[in-house]
Amino acid sequence: MKKKSLAIAMLSLLPLAAAQAQTSVQIYGIADASVGIEDTDAPGEDSRTVISSGTQSTSRIGFRGTEDLGNGLKALFNIEAGVALDSGAQDAAGTFQRRAVVGLQGSFGTVTIGREYGPIAAVAQSADPLGHGFYGSTLTSFGNGRLTRRLSNSVNYKSNDLSGLTFLAAYSAGERQTDDPSGNLVGAALEYKNGPLYLGAGYQQTERLATGDDKEYALGAGYNFGAFDLRAAYLEADPTGANNEYKFITLGGVFTSGPNKFYLSGHQQKLATGAKGNGFSVAYSYTLSKRTNLYSSYGRVRNNGRAAFGLASAGGTFAPPATALGADPSVFNVGVRHSF
């Protein structure tokens, strides 16, 4: 009878042991929506009132988790979907298009496989005066499709912190149906973070069939002076072909006083064709709690007669029609953001 009772007791502990061995899963997300006024400045177009999702941060829901495998080794996964909060629809094609990876983490660093952020994306975000939010951030250079932010079909590596240095590398398979490697992307970045100082540099190259390679560059720097945080970034896309080079330069910072944050940045976009747009952005955020804040922002671009550049926020890109050369788009909004 005692043996039977002991066996029953041991069996009853199996579900608990299995639960402890399972992956620790976290559900998280951001809900961000704003009311705004957009003006393309294009001939024949009036300004319009819009309800937008993701002005400061992309609205999203995600699932991530880790499992301790012992000896300092962990398994990890992360899948994350963007949500258009104004309509409730997906914000892009593909359910988990923001990030979808599985990998291992240990003393060697972190290796992930799937859809991951490219090396230059890390530099662009860390050096962004607007914190990768509001209109006119470094997302503008990705939102117009000139630089590559996320890599599908990729294998990625990130080193552990080595006295402030972090190394990132990525390979994205083009998966063509021929033996030609066209479409494959390789990239690397180096970041240095030491106290108030940040420095970063990244490079990506995509192989193209017969015509050459597309090259992308990112440089970033930042320094924190207590309440002041200054950031600067230089991004360049040099695709194969003539007169296709694109450059994006931004400089600005944030001043924090209690629950108040004031953002100011200027940027310039240029094409080798002579198209040029100079823009500026101002934003204000008021923290209501650890997870919730109110914000307001204004952004504007002044284009020359060869350009029709726009601005991108975390939720999307706003621009005049490509034929409206010289139009000066502007956008103003107020919104609320909550993270969970």
C-alpha atoms as a PDB file:
ATOM      1  CA  MET A   1       0.000   0.000   0.000  1.00  0.00           C
ATOM      2  CA  LYS A   2       2.889   2.321   0.867  1.00  0.00           C
ATOM      3  CA  LYS A   3       4.571   1.614  -2.487  1.00  0.00           C
ATOM      4  CA  LYS A   4       1.306   2.359  -4.284  1.00  0.00           C
ATOM      5  CA  SER A   5       0.884   5.658  -2.391  1.00  0.00           C
ATOM      6  CA  LEU A   6       4.472   6.631  -3.181  1.00  0.00           C
ATOM      7  CA  ALA A   7       3.952   5.897  -6.900  1.00  0.00           C
ATOM      8  CA  ILE A   8       0.774   7.994  -6.960  1.00  0.00           C
ATOM      9  CA  ALA A   9       2.576  10.864  -5.231  1.00  0.00           C
ATOM     10  CA  MET A  10       5.441  10.772  -7.738  1.00  0.00           C
ATOM     11  CA  LEU A  11       3.040  10.712 -10.692  1.00  0.00           C
ATOM     12  CA  SER A  12       1.218  13.731  -9.276  1.00  0.00           C
ATOM     13  CA  LEU A  13       4.488  15.687  -9.357  1.00  0.00           C
ATOM     14  CA  LEU A  14       5.134  15.023 -13.059  1.00  0.00           C
ATOM     15  CA  PRO A  15       2.871  17.836 -14.388  1.00  0.00           C
ATOM     16  CA  LEU A  16       4.607  20.308 -12.032  1.00  0.00           C
ATOM     17  CA  ALA A  17       8.048  19.180 -13.173  1.00  0.00           C
ATOM     18  CA  ALA A  18       6.983  19.402 -16.811  1.00  0.00           C
ATOM     19  CA  ALA A  19       5.592  22.911 -16.264  1.00  0.00           C
ATOM     20  CA  GLN A  20       8.879  24.053 -14.726  1.00  0.00           C
ATOM     21  CA  ALA A  21      10.784  22.675 -17.713  1.00  0.00           C
ATOM     22  CA  GLN A  22       8.548  24.399 -20.246  1.00  0.00           C
ATOM     23  CA  THR A  23       9.400  27.680 -21.929  1.00  0.00           C
ATOM     24  CA  SER A  24       8.632  30.843 -19.961  1.00  0.00           C
ATOM     25  CA  VAL A  25       6.282  32.750 -22.290  1.00  0.00           C
ATOM     26  CA  GLN A  26       5.449  36.451 -22.122  1.00  0.00           C
ATOM     27  CA  ILE A  27       2.673  38.251 -23.967  1.00  0.00           C
ATOM     28  CA  TYR A  28       3.455  41.919 -24.580  1.00  0.00           C
ATOM     29  CA  GLY A  29       2.499  44.788 -26.835  1.00  0.00           C
ATOM     30  CA  ILE A  30       1.944  48.471 -27.491  1.00  0.00           C
ATOM     31  CA  ALA A  31      -1.282  50.310 -28.312  1.00  0.00           C
ATOM     32  CA  ASP A  32      -0.593  53.720 -29.887  1.00  0.00           C
ATOM     33  CA  ALA A  33      -3.121  55.936 -31.684  1.00  0.00           C
ATOM     34  CA  SER A  34      -3.301  59.603 -32.620  1.00  0.00           C
ATOM     35  CA  VAL A  35      -5.529  62.222 -34.218  1.00  0.00           C
ATOM     36  CA  GLY A  36      -3.728  64.312 -36.793  1.00  0.00           C
ATOM     37  CA  ILE A  37      -3.869  66.770 -39.673  1.00  0.00           C
ATOM     38  CA  GLU A  38      -1.904  65.901 -42.820  1.00  0.00           C
ATOM     39  CA  ASP A  39      -1.134  68.336 -45.614  1.00  0.00           C
ATOM     40  CA  THR A  40       0.746  67.070 -48.701  1.00  0.00           C
ATOM     41  CA  ASP A  41       0.976  70.614 -50.147  1.00  0.00           C
ATOM     42  CA  ALA A  42       0.358  69.000 -53.545  1.00  0.00           C
ATOM     43  CA  PRO A  43      -1.609  71.045 -56.111  1.00  0.00           C
ATOM     44  CA  GLY A  44      -5.323  70.343 -55.885  1.00  0.00           C
ATOM     45  CA  GLU A  45      -5.074  68.487 -52.551  1.00  0.00           C
ATOM     46  CA  ASP A  46      -6.459  69.823 -49.266  1.00  0.00           C
ATOM     47  CA  SER A  47      -5.310  68.957 -45.772  1.00  0.00           C
ATOM     48  CA  ARG A  48      -7.194  66.145 -44.092  1.00  0.00           C
ATOM     49  CA  THR A  49      -7.924  64.914 -40.586  1.00  0.00           C
ATOM     50  CA  VAL A  50      -6.735  61.357 -39.937  1.00  0.00           C
ATOM     51  CA  ILE A  51      -6.787  58.767 -37.181  1.00  0.00           C
ATOM     52  CA  SER A  52      -3.423  57.020 -37.216  1.00  0.00           C
ATOM     53  CA  SER A  53      -1.916  54.013 -35.501  1.00  0.00           C
ATOM     54  CA  GLY A  54       1.653  53.939 -34.246  1.00  0.00           C
ATOM     55  CA  THR A  55       2.790  57.551 -34.467  1.00  0.00           C
ATOM     56  CA  GLN A  56       5.300  57.250 -31.609  1.00  0.00           C
ATOM     57  CA  SER A  57       5.600  53.448 -31.484  1.00  0.00           C
ATOM     58  CA  THR A  58       4.177  50.832 -33.821  1.00  0.00           C
ATOM     59  CA  SER A  59       1.072  49.215 -32.327  1.00  0.00           C
ATOM     60  CA  ARG A  60       1.836  45.517 -31.877  1.00  0.00           C
ATOM     61  CA  ILE A  61       1.291  42.290 -30.016  1.00  0.00           C
ATOM     62  CA  GLY A  62       4.012  39.729 -29.464  1.00  0.00           C
ATOM     63  CA  PHE A  63       4.952  36.497 -27.776  1.00  0.00           C
ATOM     64  CA  ARG A  64       8.456  35.758 -26.507  1.00  0.00           C
ATOM     65  CA  GLY A  65      10.026  33.262 -24.226  1.00  0.00           C
ATOM     66  CA  THR A  66      13.127  31.390 -23.117  1.00  0.00           C
ATOM     67  CA  GLU A  67      13.965  27.963 -21.793  1.00  0.00           C
ATOM     68  CA  ASP A  68      16.995  27.263 -19.609  1.00  0.00           C
ATOM     69  CA  LEU A  69      18.838  24.313 -21.156  1.00  0.00           C
ATOM     70  CA  GLY A  70      21.559  24.208 -18.502  1.00  0.00           C
ATOM     71  CA  ASN A  71      25.267  25.057 -18.568  1.00  0.00           C
ATOM     72  CA  GLY A  72      24.495  28.672 -19.420  1.00  0.00           C
ATOM     73  CA  LEU A  73      22.599  27.765 -22.612  1.00  0.00           C
ATOM     74  CA  LYS A  74      19.099  29.061 -23.359  1.00  0.00           C
ATOM     75  CA  ALA A  75      16.592  28.502 -26.143  1.00  0.00           C
ATOM     76  CA  LEU A  76      14.558  31.540 -27.169  1.00  0.00           C
ATOM     77  CA  PHE A  77      11.810  32.596 -29.536  1.00  0.00           C
ATOM     78  CA  ASN A  78       9.984  35.781 -30.450  1.00  0.00           C
ATOM     79  CA  ILE A  79       7.049  36.330 -32.806  1.00  0.00           C
ATOM     80  CA  GLU A  80       5.571  39.808 -33.153  1.00  0.00           C
ATOM     81  CA  ALA A  81       2.694  41.165 -35.243  1.00  0.00           C
ATOM     82  CA  GLY A  82       1.921  44.755 -36.128  1.00  0.00           C
ATOM     83  CA  VAL A  83      -1.627  46.037 -35.611  1.00  0.00           C
ATOM     84  CA  ALA A  84      -3.309  48.994 -37.319  1.00  0.00           C
ATOM     85  CA  LEU A  85      -5.144  50.292 -34.275  1.00  0.00           C
ATOM     86  CA  ASP A  86      -7.292  52.671 -36.321  1.00  0.00           C
ATOM     87  CA  SER A  87      -8.931  49.789 -38.209  1.00  0.00           C
ATOM     88  CA  GLY A  88      -8.024  46.656 -36.238  1.00  0.00           C
ATOM     89  CA  ALA A  89      -6.381  45.103 -39.304  1.00  0.00           C
ATOM     90  CA  GLN A  90      -2.814  43.869 -39.752  1.00  0.00           C
ATOM     91  CA  ASP A  91      -0.532  46.791 -40.503  1.00  0.00           C
ATOM     92  CA  ALA A  92       1.364  44.895 -43.256  1.00  0.00           C
ATOM     93  CA  ALA A  93       1.306  41.690 -45.264  1.00  0.00           C
ATOM     94  CA  GLY A  94       2.190  38.671 -43.133  1.00  0.00           C
ATOM     95  CA  THR A  95       0.871  38.107 -39.631  1.00  0.00           C
ATOM     96  CA  PHE A  96       4.147  38.116 -37.722  1.00  0.00           C
ATOM     97  CA  GLN A  97       6.026  40.329 -40.148  1.00  0.00           C
ATOM     98  CA  ARG A  98       7.702  42.441 -37.461  1.00  0.00           C
ATOM     99  CA  ARG A  99       9.836  39.642 -35.995  1.00  0.00           C
ATOM    100  CA  ALA A 100       9.654  35.850 -36.129  1.00  0.00           C
ATOM    101  CA  VAL A 101      12.732  34.055 -34.812  1.00  0.00           C
ATOM    102  CA  VAL A 102      13.924  31.060 -32.824  1.00  0.00           C
ATOM    103  CA  GLY A 103      17.457  30.637 -31.533  1.00  0.00           C
ATOM    104  CA  LEU A 104      20.033  29.877 -28.883  1.00  0.00           C
ATOM    105  CA  GLN A 105      21.822  32.096 -26.391  1.00  0.00           C
ATOM    106  CA  GLY A 106      24.959  31.317 -24.407  1.00  0.00           C
ATOM    107  CA  SER A 107      28.510  32.373 -23.650  1.00  0.00           C
ATOM    108  CA  PHE A 108      29.085  32.610 -27.417  1.00  0.00           C
ATOM    109  CA  GLY A 109      26.352  35.219 -27.855  1.00  0.00           C
ATOM    110  CA  THR A 110      22.930  34.873 -29.501  1.00  0.00           C
ATOM    111  CA  VAL A 111      22.074  33.120 -32.772  1.00  0.00           C
ATOM    112  CA  THR A 112      18.579  33.476 -34.285  1.00  0.00           C
ATOM    113  CA  ILE A 113      16.937  32.100 -37.429  1.00  0.00           C
ATOM    114  CA  GLY A 114      13.892  33.592 -39.151  1.00  0.00           C
ATOM    115  CA  ARG A 115      12.759  37.151 -39.838  1.00  0.00           C
ATOM    116  CA  GLU A 116      15.046  39.486 -37.918  1.00  0.00           C
ATOM    117  CA  TYR A 117      16.166  43.127 -37.829  1.00  0.00           C
ATOM    118  CA  GLY A 118      19.229  43.790 -40.001  1.00  0.00           C
ATOM    119  CA  PRO A 119      22.536  45.029 -38.531  1.00  0.00           C
ATOM    120  CA  ILE A 120      22.130  48.606 -39.789  1.00  0.00           C
ATOM    121  CA  ALA A 121      18.682  48.802 -38.148  1.00  0.00           C
ATOM    122  CA  ALA A 122      20.316  48.552 -34.712  1.00  0.00           C
ATOM    123  CA  VAL A 123      22.581  51.533 -35.465  1.00  0.00           C
ATOM    124  CA  ALA A 124      19.735  53.572 -36.969  1.00  0.00           C
ATOM    125  CA  GLN A 125      17.582  53.078 -33.880  1.00  0.00           C
ATOM    126  CA  SER A 126      20.267  53.764 -31.275  1.00  0.00           C
ATOM    127  CA  ALA A 127      21.343  56.983 -33.034  1.00  0.00           C
ATOM    128  CA  ASP A 128      17.842  58.329 -33.742  1.00  0.00           C
ATOM    129  CA  PRO A 129      17.129  61.706 -32.053  1.00  0.00           C
ATOM    130  CA  LEU A 130      13.394  60.904 -32.075  1.00  0.00           C
ATOM    131  CA  GLY A 131      13.789  57.433 -30.570  1.00  0.00           C
ATOM    132  CA  HIS A 132      12.477  55.729 -33.726  1.00  0.00           C
ATOM    133  CA  GLY A 133       9.151  57.501 -33.274  1.00  0.00           C
ATOM    134  CA  PHE A 134       7.201  60.523 -34.520  1.00  0.00           C
ATOM    135  CA  TYR A 135       7.430  61.899 -38.076  1.00  0.00           C
ATOM    136  CA  GLY A 136      10.920  62.532 -39.445  1.00  0.00           C
ATOM    137  CA  SER A 137      12.834  59.826 -37.561  1.00  0.00           C
ATOM    138  CA  THR A 138      15.415  57.515 -39.171  1.00  0.00           C
ATOM    139  CA  LEU A 139      12.468  55.265 -40.039  1.00  0.00           C
ATOM    140  CA  THR A 140      11.916  57.679 -42.933  1.00  0.00           C
ATOM    141  CA  SER A 141      14.913  56.159 -44.745  1.00  0.00           C
ATOM    142  CA  PHE A 142      13.473  52.655 -44.286  1.00  0.00           C
ATOM    143  CA  GLY A 143       9.833  53.578 -44.847  1.00  0.00           C
ATOM    144  CA  ASN A 144      10.537  54.811 -48.370  1.00  0.00           C
ATOM    145  CA  GLY A 145      12.005  51.404 -49.228  1.00  0.00           C
ATOM    146  CA  ARG A 146      15.535  52.631 -49.888  1.00  0.00           C
ATOM    147  CA  LEU A 147      17.181  50.799 -46.985  1.00  0.00           C
ATOM    148  CA  THR A 148      16.517  47.299 -45.641  1.00  0.00           C
ATOM    149  CA  ARG A 149      15.351  47.120 -42.032  1.00  0.00           C
ATOM    150  CA  ARG A 150      14.163  43.510 -41.617  1.00  0.00           C
ATOM    151  CA  LEU A 151      15.623  40.357 -43.128  1.00  0.00           C
ATOM    152  CA  SER A 152      13.491  37.344 -44.037  1.00  0.00           C
ATOM    153  CA  ASN A 153      15.078  33.897 -44.414  1.00  0.00           C
ATOM    154  CA  SER A 154      17.981  35.026 -42.253  1.00  0.00           C
ATOM    155  CA  VAL A 155      20.586  33.669 -39.846  1.00  0.00           C
ATOM    156  CA  ASN A 156      21.733  36.280 -37.334  1.00  0.00           C
ATOM    157  CA  TYR A 157      24.421  36.615 -34.699  1.00  0.00           C
ATOM    158  CA  LYS A 158      24.848  39.076 -31.822  1.00  0.00           C
ATOM    159  CA  SER A 159      27.818  38.894 -29.494  1.00  0.00           C
ATOM    160  CA  ASN A 160      27.625  39.377 -25.759  1.00  0.00           C
ATOM    161  CA  ASP A 161      28.788  42.728 -24.401  1.00  0.00           C
ATOM    162  CA  LEU A 162      32.605  42.890 -24.572  1.00  0.00           C
ATOM    163  CA  SER A 163      33.641  45.934 -22.508  1.00  0.00           C
ATOM    164  CA  GLY A 164      30.966  48.013 -24.220  1.00  0.00           C
ATOM    165  CA  LEU A 165      31.440  46.521 -27.695  1.00  0.00           C
ATOM    166  CA  THR A 166      28.754  44.475 -29.448  1.00  0.00           C
ATOM    167  CA  PHE A 167      29.145  42.812 -32.842  1.00  0.00           C
ATOM    168  CA  LEU A 168      26.216  41.884 -35.095  1.00  0.00           C
ATOM    169  CA  ALA A 169      26.220  39.838 -38.288  1.00  0.00           C
ATOM    170  CA  ALA A 170      23.508  38.535 -40.617  1.00  0.00           C
ATOM    171  CA  TYR A 171      22.984  36.458 -43.726  1.00  0.00           C
ATOM    172  CA  SER A 172      19.653  36.543 -45.574  1.00  0.00           C
ATOM    173  CA  ALA A 173      19.050  33.974 -48.310  1.00  0.00           C
ATOM    174  CA  GLY A 174      17.446  35.256 -51.502  1.00  0.00           C
ATOM    175  CA  GLU A 175      16.139  31.716 -52.118  1.00  0.00           C
ATOM    176  CA  ARG A 176      16.096  32.040 -55.888  1.00  0.00           C
ATOM    177  CA  GLN A 177      15.144  28.981 -57.910  1.00  0.00           C
ATOM    178  CA  THR A 178      18.428  29.047 -59.879  1.00  0.00           C
ATOM    179  CA  ASP A 179      22.067  28.554 -58.936  1.00  0.00           C
ATOM    180  CA  ASP A 180      22.649  32.291 -59.135  1.00  0.00           C
ATOM    181  CA  PRO A 181      23.036  33.768 -55.625  1.00  0.00           C
ATOM    182  CA  SER A 182      21.279  36.982 -56.608  1.00  0.00           C
ATOM    183  CA  GLY A 183      19.198  38.406 -53.776  1.00  0.00           C
ATOM    184  CA  ASN A 184      21.364  37.124 -50.930  1.00  0.00           C
ATOM    185  CA  LEU A 185      22.208  39.745 -48.306  1.00  0.00           C
ATOM    186  CA  VAL A 186      25.142  39.875 -45.896  1.00  0.00           C
ATOM    187  CA  GLY A 187      25.590  42.488 -43.191  1.00  0.00           C
ATOM    188  CA  ALA A 188      27.523  43.416 -40.092  1.00  0.00           C
ATOM    189  CA  ALA A 189      27.553  46.153 -37.479  1.00  0.00           C
ATOM    190  CA  LEU A 190      29.672  47.211 -34.517  1.00  0.00           C
ATOM    191  CA  GLU A 191      28.244  49.163 -31.582  1.00  0.00           C
ATOM    192  CA  TYR A 192      30.046  50.737 -28.626  1.00  0.00           C
ATOM    193  CA  LYS A 193      28.128  51.774 -25.527  1.00  0.00           C
ATOM    194  CA  ASN A 194      30.044  53.084 -22.531  1.00  0.00           C
ATOM    195  CA  GLY A 195      28.192  55.205 -20.001  1.00  0.00           C
ATOM    196  CA  PRO A 196      26.837  58.299 -21.790  1.00  0.00           C
ATOM    197  CA  LEU A 197      28.651  57.581 -25.076  1.00  0.00           C
ATOM    198  CA  TYR A 198      27.276  55.658 -28.060  1.00  0.00           C
ATOM    199  CA  LEU A 199      29.029  54.918 -31.370  1.00  0.00           C
ATOM    200  CA  GLY A 200      27.827  52.600 -34.119  1.00  0.00           C
ATOM    201  CA  ALA A 201      28.606  51.592 -37.690  1.00  0.00           C
ATOM    202  CA  GLY A 202      26.912  49.077 -39.987  1.00  0.00           C
ATOM    203  CA  TYR A 203      27.039  47.750 -43.550  1.00  0.00           C
ATOM    204  CA  GLN A 204      24.764  45.568 -45.676  1.00  0.00           C
ATOM    205  CA  GLN A 205      25.225  44.272 -49.202  1.00  0.00           C
ATOM    206  CA  THR A 206      22.685  42.557 -51.450  1.00  0.00           C
ATOM    207  CA  GLU A 207      23.812  40.569 -54.494  1.00  0.00           C
ATOM    208  CA  ARG A 208      21.962  41.385 -57.708  1.00  0.00           C
ATOM    209  CA  LEU A 209      21.778  39.341 -60.871  1.00  0.00           C
ATOM    210  CA  ALA A 210      24.479  40.474 -63.360  1.00  0.00           C
ATOM    211  CA  THR A 211      24.089  44.175 -62.551  1.00  0.00           C
ATOM    212  CA  GLY A 212      26.186  44.364 -59.371  1.00  0.00           C
ATOM    213  CA  ASP A 213      25.472  44.758 -55.662  1.00  0.00           C
ATOM    214  CA  ASP A 214      23.271  47.061 -53.581  1.00  0.00           C
ATOM    215  CA  LYS A 215      25.155  48.591 -50.649  1.00  0.00           C
ATOM    216  CA  GLU A 216      23.768  50.154 -47.476  1.00  0.00           C
ATOM    217  CA  TYR A 217      25.651  52.063 -44.768  1.00  0.00           C
ATOM    218  CA  ALA A 218      24.821  53.357 -41.305  1.00  0.00           C
ATOM    219  CA  LEU A 219      26.834  55.534 -38.906  1.00  0.00           C
ATOM    220  CA  GLY A 220      25.571  56.777 -35.559  1.00  0.00           C
ATOM    221  CA  ALA A 221      26.693  58.632 -32.466  1.00  0.00           C
ATOM    222  CA  GLY A 222      25.148  59.840 -29.234  1.00  0.00           C
ATOM    223  CA  TYR A 223      26.021  61.396 -25.918  1.00  0.00           C
ATOM    224  CA  ASN A 224      23.993  61.941 -22.772  1.00  0.00           C
ATOM    225  CA  PHE A 225      24.489  65.140 -20.752  1.00  0.00           C
ATOM    226  CA  GLY A 226      22.186  64.337 -17.852  1.00  0.00           C
ATOM    227  CA  ALA A 227      18.842  65.807 -18.877  1.00  0.00           C
ATOM    228  CA  PHE A 228      20.043  66.279 -22.470  1.00  0.00           C
ATOM    229  CA  ASP A 229      20.493  63.377 -24.874  1.00  0.00           C
ATOM    230  CA  LEU A 230      22.058  64.248 -28.245  1.00  0.00           C
ATOM    231  CA  ARG A 231      21.947  61.870 -31.249  1.00  0.00           C
ATOM    232  CA  ALA A 232      23.128  61.935 -34.864  1.00  0.00           C
ATOM    233  CA  ALA A 233      22.874  59.423 -37.710  1.00  0.00           C
ATOM    234  CA  TYR A 234      24.005  59.045 -41.305  1.00  0.00           C
ATOM    235  CA  LEU A 235      22.315  56.460 -43.537  1.00  0.00           C
ATOM    236  CA  GLU A 236      23.084  55.725 -47.168  1.00  0.00           C
ATOM    237  CA  ALA A 237      21.671  53.417 -49.832  1.00  0.00           C
ATOM    238  CA  ASP A 238      23.820  52.897 -52.911  1.00  0.00           C
ATOM    239  CA  PRO A 239      21.872  50.511 -55.177  1.00  0.00           C
ATOM    240  CA  THR A 240      23.334  49.249 -58.415  1.00  0.00           C
ATOM    241  CA  GLY A 241      22.699  51.526 -61.371  1.00  0.00           C
ATOM    242  CA  ALA A 242      23.251  55.191 -62.153  1.00  0.00           C
ATOM    243  CA  ASN A 243      22.003  58.115 -60.041  1.00  0.00           C
ATOM    244  CA  ASN A 244      20.281  55.934 -57.457  1.00  0.00           C
ATOM    245  CA  GLU A 245      22.325  56.901 -54.387  1.00  0.00           C
ATOM    246  CA  TYR A 246      20.213  58.052 -51.432  1.00  0.00           C
ATOM    247  CA  LYS A 247      21.464  59.788 -48.270  1.00  0.00           C
ATOM    248  CA  PHE A 248      19.714  60.576 -45.000  1.00  0.00           C
ATOM    249  CA  ILE A 249      21.336  62.706 -42.286  1.00  0.00           C
ATOM    250  CA  THR A 250      19.744  63.647 -38.970  1.00  0.00           C
ATOM    251  CA  LEU A 251      20.809  65.531 -35.843  1.00  0.00           C
ATOM    252  CA  GLY A 252      18.862  66.354 -32.700  1.00  0.00           C
ATOM    253  CA  GLY A 253      18.118  65.391 -29.163  1.00  0.00           C
ATOM    254  CA  VAL A 254      15.803  65.039 -26.194  1.00  0.00           C
ATOM    255  CA  PHE A 255      15.462  67.118 -23.039  1.00  0.00           C
ATOM    256  CA  THR A 256      13.851  65.362 -20.059  1.00  0.00           C
ATOM    257  CA  SER A 257      12.390  67.142 -17.041  1.00  0.00           C
ATOM    258  CA  GLY A 258      10.381  64.933 -14.708  1.00  0.00           C
ATOM    259  CA  PRO A 259       7.456  63.460 -16.672  1.00  0.00           C
ATOM    260  CA  ASN A 260       8.113  65.845 -19.589  1.00  0.00           C
ATOM    261  CA  LYS A 261      10.147  65.013 -22.691  1.00  0.00           C
ATOM    262  CA  PHE A 262      10.899  67.515 -25.453  1.00  0.00           C
ATOM    263  CA  TYR A 263      12.197  66.252 -28.819  1.00  0.00           C
ATOM    264  CA  LEU A 264      13.834  68.311 -31.557  1.00  0.00           C
ATOM    265  CA  SER A 265      15.508  67.084 -34.751  1.00  0.00           C
ATOM    266  CA  GLY A 266      16.483  68.180 -38.217  1.00  0.00           C
ATOM    267  CA  HIS A 267      17.161  65.956 -41.194  1.00  0.00           C
ATOM    268  CA  GLN A 268      18.089  66.032 -44.854  1.00  0.00           C
ATOM    269  CA  GLN A 269      17.299  63.560 -47.638  1.00  0.00           C
ATOM    270  CA  LYS A 270      19.184  63.601 -50.933  1.00  0.00           C
ATOM    271  CA  LEU A 271      19.329  61.669 -54.199  1.00  0.00           C
ATOM    272  CA  ALA A 272      22.189  61.668 -56.687  1.00  0.00           C
ATOM    273  CA  THR A 273      19.742  63.192 -59.193  1.00  0.00           C
ATOM    274  CA  GLY A 274      19.820  66.461 -57.242  1.00  0.00           C
ATOM    275  CA  ALA A 275      16.566  65.907 -55.370  1.00  0.00           C
ATOM    276  CA  LYS A 276      16.830  67.287 -51.834  1.00  0.00           C
ATOM    277  CA  GLY A 277      14.475  67.732 -48.900  1.00  0.00           C
ATOM    278  CA  ASN A 278      15.232  69.460 -45.603  1.00  0.00           C
ATOM    279  CA  GLY A 279      12.965  68.577 -42.697  1.00  0.00           C
ATOM    280  CA  PHE A 280      12.492  69.251 -39.020  1.00  0.00           C
ATOM    281  CA  SER A 281      10.428  67.683 -36.248  1.00  0.00           C
ATOM    282  CA  VAL A 282       9.355  68.739 -32.780  1.00  0.00           C
ATOM    283  CA  ALA A 283       7.533  66.536 -30.285  1.00  0.00           C
ATOM    284  CA  TYR A 284       6.406  66.529 -26.682  1.00  0.00           C
ATOM    285  CA  SER A 285       5.601  63.578 -24.423  1.00  0.00           C
ATOM    286  CA  TYR A 286       4.045  63.602 -20.960  1.00  0.00           C
ATOM    287  CA  THR A 287       4.379  60.459 -18.844  1.00  0.00           C
ATOM    288  CA  LEU A 288       1.204  59.500 -16.988  1.00  0.00           C
ATOM    289  CA  SER A 289       2.569  56.210 -15.618  1.00  0.00           C
ATOM    290  CA  LYS A 290       5.267  53.642 -16.251  1.00  0.00           C
ATOM    291  CA  ARG A 291       3.261  52.301 -19.189  1.00  0.00           C
ATOM    292  CA  THR A 292       1.219  55.244 -20.496  1.00  0.00           C
ATOM    293  CA  ASN A 293       2.036  58.632 -21.985  1.00  0.00           C
ATOM    294  CA  LEU A 294       0.403  61.413 -23.989  1.00  0.00           C
ATOM    295  CA  TYR A 295       2.226  63.058 -26.890  1.00  0.00           C
ATOM    296  CA  SER A 296       2.028  65.658 -29.621  1.00  0.00           C
ATOM    297  CA  SER A 297       4.300  66.193 -32.614  1.00  0.00           C
ATOM    298  CA  TYR A 298       4.793  68.276 -35.734  1.00  0.00           C
ATOM    299  CA  GLY A 299       6.952  67.473 -38.761  1.00  0.00           C
ATOM    300  CA  ARG A 300       7.608  69.227 -42.056  1.00  0.00           C
ATOM    301  CA  VAL A 301       9.777  68.774 -45.153  1.00  0.00           C
ATOM    302  CA  ARG A 302      10.804  71.507 -47.595  1.00  0.00           C
ATOM    303  CA  ASN A 303      11.553  69.900 -50.966  1.00  0.00           C
ATOM    304  CA  ASN A 304      13.422  71.451 -53.855  1.00  0.00           C
ATOM    305  CA  GLY A 305      12.008  71.400 -57.380  1.00  0.00           C
ATOM    306  CA  ARG A 306      13.301  67.872 -58.031  1.00  0.00           C
ATOM    307  CA  ALA A 307      12.044  66.201 -54.862  1.00  0.00           C
ATOM    308  CA  ALA A 308       8.832  64.835 -53.345  1.00  0.00           C
ATOM    309  CA  PHE A 309      10.197  63.429 -50.077  1.00  0.00           C
ATOM    310  CA  GLY A 310       7.895  62.694 -47.147  1.00  0.00           C
ATOM    311  CA  LEU A 311       8.205  61.731 -43.496  1.00  0.00           C
ATOM    312  CA  ALA A 312       7.735  58.425 -41.730  1.00  0.00           C
ATOM    313  CA  SER A 313       6.545  57.696 -38.205  1.00  0.00           C
ATOM    314  CA  ALA A 314       6.626  54.342 -36.445  1.00  0.00           C
ATOM    315  CA  GLY A 315       3.271  53.529 -38.061  1.00  0.00           C
ATOM    316  CA  GLY A 316       3.891  54.460 -41.680  1.00  0.00           C
ATOM    317  CA  THR A 317       5.004  56.991 -44.277  1.00  0.00           C
ATOM    318  CA  PHE A 318       3.281  60.236 -45.235  1.00  0.00           C
ATOM    319  CA  ALA A 319       4.378  61.860 -48.512  1.00  0.00           C
ATOM    320  CA  PRO A 320       3.061  63.894 -51.433  1.00  0.00           C
ATOM    321  CA  PRO A 321       2.490  62.157 -54.788  1.00  0.00           C
ATOM    322  CA  ALA A 322       5.735  61.364 -56.611  1.00  0.00           C
ATOM    323  CA  THR A 323       4.691  63.790 -59.358  1.00  0.00           C
ATOM    324  CA  ALA A 324       4.228  66.705 -56.927  1.00  0.00           C
ATOM    325  CA  LEU A 325       7.836  67.875 -57.132  1.00  0.00           C
ATOM    326  CA  GLY A 326       8.586  70.767 -54.802  1.00  0.00           C
ATOM    327  CA  ALA A 327       5.593  70.131 -52.522  1.00  0.00           C
ATOM    328  CA  ASP A 328       6.306  70.655 -48.802  1.00  0.00           C
ATOM    329  CA  PRO A 329       4.349  68.099 -46.732  1.00  0.00           C
ATOM    330  CA  SER A 330       3.576  68.656 -43.048  1.00  0.00           C
ATOM    331  CA  VAL A 331       1.758  66.725 -40.325  1.00  0.00           C
ATOM    332  CA  PHE A 332       0.562  67.549 -36.799  1.00  0.00           C
ATOM    333  CA  ASN A 333      -0.910  65.075 -34.317  1.00  0.00           C
ATOM    334  CA  VAL A 334      -1.797  64.354 -30.700  1.00  0.00           C
ATOM    335  CA  GLY A 335      -1.990  60.845 -29.316  1.00  0.00           C
ATOM    336  CA  VAL A 336      -1.767  58.359 -26.491  1.00  0.00           C
ATOM    337  CA  ARG A 337       0.507  55.321 -26.118  1.00  0.00           C
ATOM    338  CA  HIS A 338       0.136  52.403 -23.715  1.00  0.00           C
ATOM    339  CA  SER A 339       2.458  49.415 -23.370  1.00  0.00           C
ATOM    340  CA  PHE A 340       1.573  46.111 -21.745  1.00  0.00           C
END
